[in-house]
Each structure stands twice: as structure tokens, then as C-alpha cells.
Protein backbone atom coordinates (compact mmCIF):
# COMPACT_ATOMS: atom_id res chain seq x y z
CA MET A 1 10.04 -36.27 -40.90
CA SER A 2 7.04 -37.70 -42.87
CA GLU A 3 8.18 -38.56 -46.60
CA MET A 4 6.45 -36.60 -48.79
CA ASN A 5 7.91 -33.54 -45.64
CA ALA A 6 11.39 -34.68 -46.77
CA LEU A 7 10.61 -33.51 -50.52
CA LEU A 8 9.37 -30.67 -50.48
CA GLU A 9 12.14 -28.46 -51.85
CA PRO A 10 12.20 -23.71 -52.16
CA GLY A 11 9.87 -23.12 -54.92
CA MET A 12 6.77 -25.60 -54.11
CA PHE A 13 3.33 -24.57 -52.59
CA VAL A 14 1.89 -25.92 -49.53
CA ARG A 15 -0.39 -25.35 -46.69
CA ASN A 16 -0.36 -26.49 -42.87
CA PRO A 17 -3.99 -29.02 -43.12
CA SER A 18 -4.09 -27.85 -39.30
CA GLN A 19 -4.03 -23.70 -39.58
CA PRO A 20 -5.63 -23.87 -42.70
CA GLU A 21 -6.33 -20.14 -42.14
CA TRP A 22 -2.29 -19.14 -43.07
CA GLY A 23 -3.49 -20.07 -46.42
CA VAL A 24 -0.85 -20.84 -48.99
CA GLY A 25 2.35 -21.32 -48.25
CA GLN A 26 5.74 -21.18 -50.51
CA VAL A 27 8.57 -22.88 -48.92
CA GLN A 28 11.71 -21.42 -48.85
CA SER A 29 14.41 -23.85 -47.09
CA ASN A 30 14.14 -27.18 -46.25
CA ILE A 31 16.64 -28.37 -43.76
CA ASN A 32 17.54 -31.47 -41.00
CA SER A 33 13.87 -31.28 -40.40
CA ARG A 34 13.31 -27.69 -40.39
CA ILE A 35 10.87 -25.91 -43.35
CA THR A 36 10.67 -22.23 -43.56
CA VAL A 37 7.49 -21.48 -45.19
CA ASN A 38 7.13 -17.91 -46.34
CA PHE A 39 2.63 -17.70 -45.45
CA GLU A 40 0.10 -15.76 -47.51
CA ASN A 41 -1.73 -15.04 -43.83
CA GLU A 42 0.92 -15.43 -41.10
CA GLY A 43 4.35 -14.45 -42.94
CA LYS A 44 8.21 -16.72 -42.29
CA VAL A 45 6.71 -20.28 -40.71
CA VAL A 46 9.08 -22.36 -39.04
CA LEU A 47 7.92 -25.99 -37.79
CA ASP A 48 9.27 -29.46 -36.71
CA ALA A 49 9.14 -31.75 -40.10
CA THR A 50 9.10 -34.20 -36.95
CA ARG A 51 5.94 -32.66 -36.02
CA ILE A 52 4.05 -31.27 -39.23
CA ALA A 53 2.97 -33.07 -42.45
CA LEU A 54 2.64 -30.42 -44.26
CA ASP A 55 0.21 -30.40 -47.99
CA ARG A 56 1.92 -29.70 -50.92
CA LEU A 57 -0.02 -28.30 -54.38
CA PHE A 58 0.39 -28.92 -56.81
CA ASP A 59 -1.93 -27.10 -59.28
CA MET A 60 0.86 -24.55 -58.06
CA GLU A 61 3.57 -24.76 -59.21
């Protein structure tokens, strides 16, 4: 898991840089390299944190 992904907690806002059309997402859970995020344009997605690095959005909180 990337260092950034390891720091993600429920309630934080993120973007998936490889899927910008999904829009902003809110982290639902981060357990054992599986991050569940609810994206505004894609819905709930479970991502493998070992394969993708999410961008945290600090200005949304």
C-alpha cells in the first residue's frame, strides 16, 4: 500500500487520478489494502490500494 493510501480514513475526500470522470469520492473504509470509496459519478467502489494511489483532497474538509 502506498504511504498516502495507508493514511486515508473514513470521511476523507479523494480523487482517483486514473479515473477523473468519477469525480470526488469520500472514503468509507480502509481495511487490509482495500479502500471503499463512494464517488459522486461512479458510486461505491472497492479499490486495491496496492494497485492505485488516490489523491487526497485537503480543500474539501
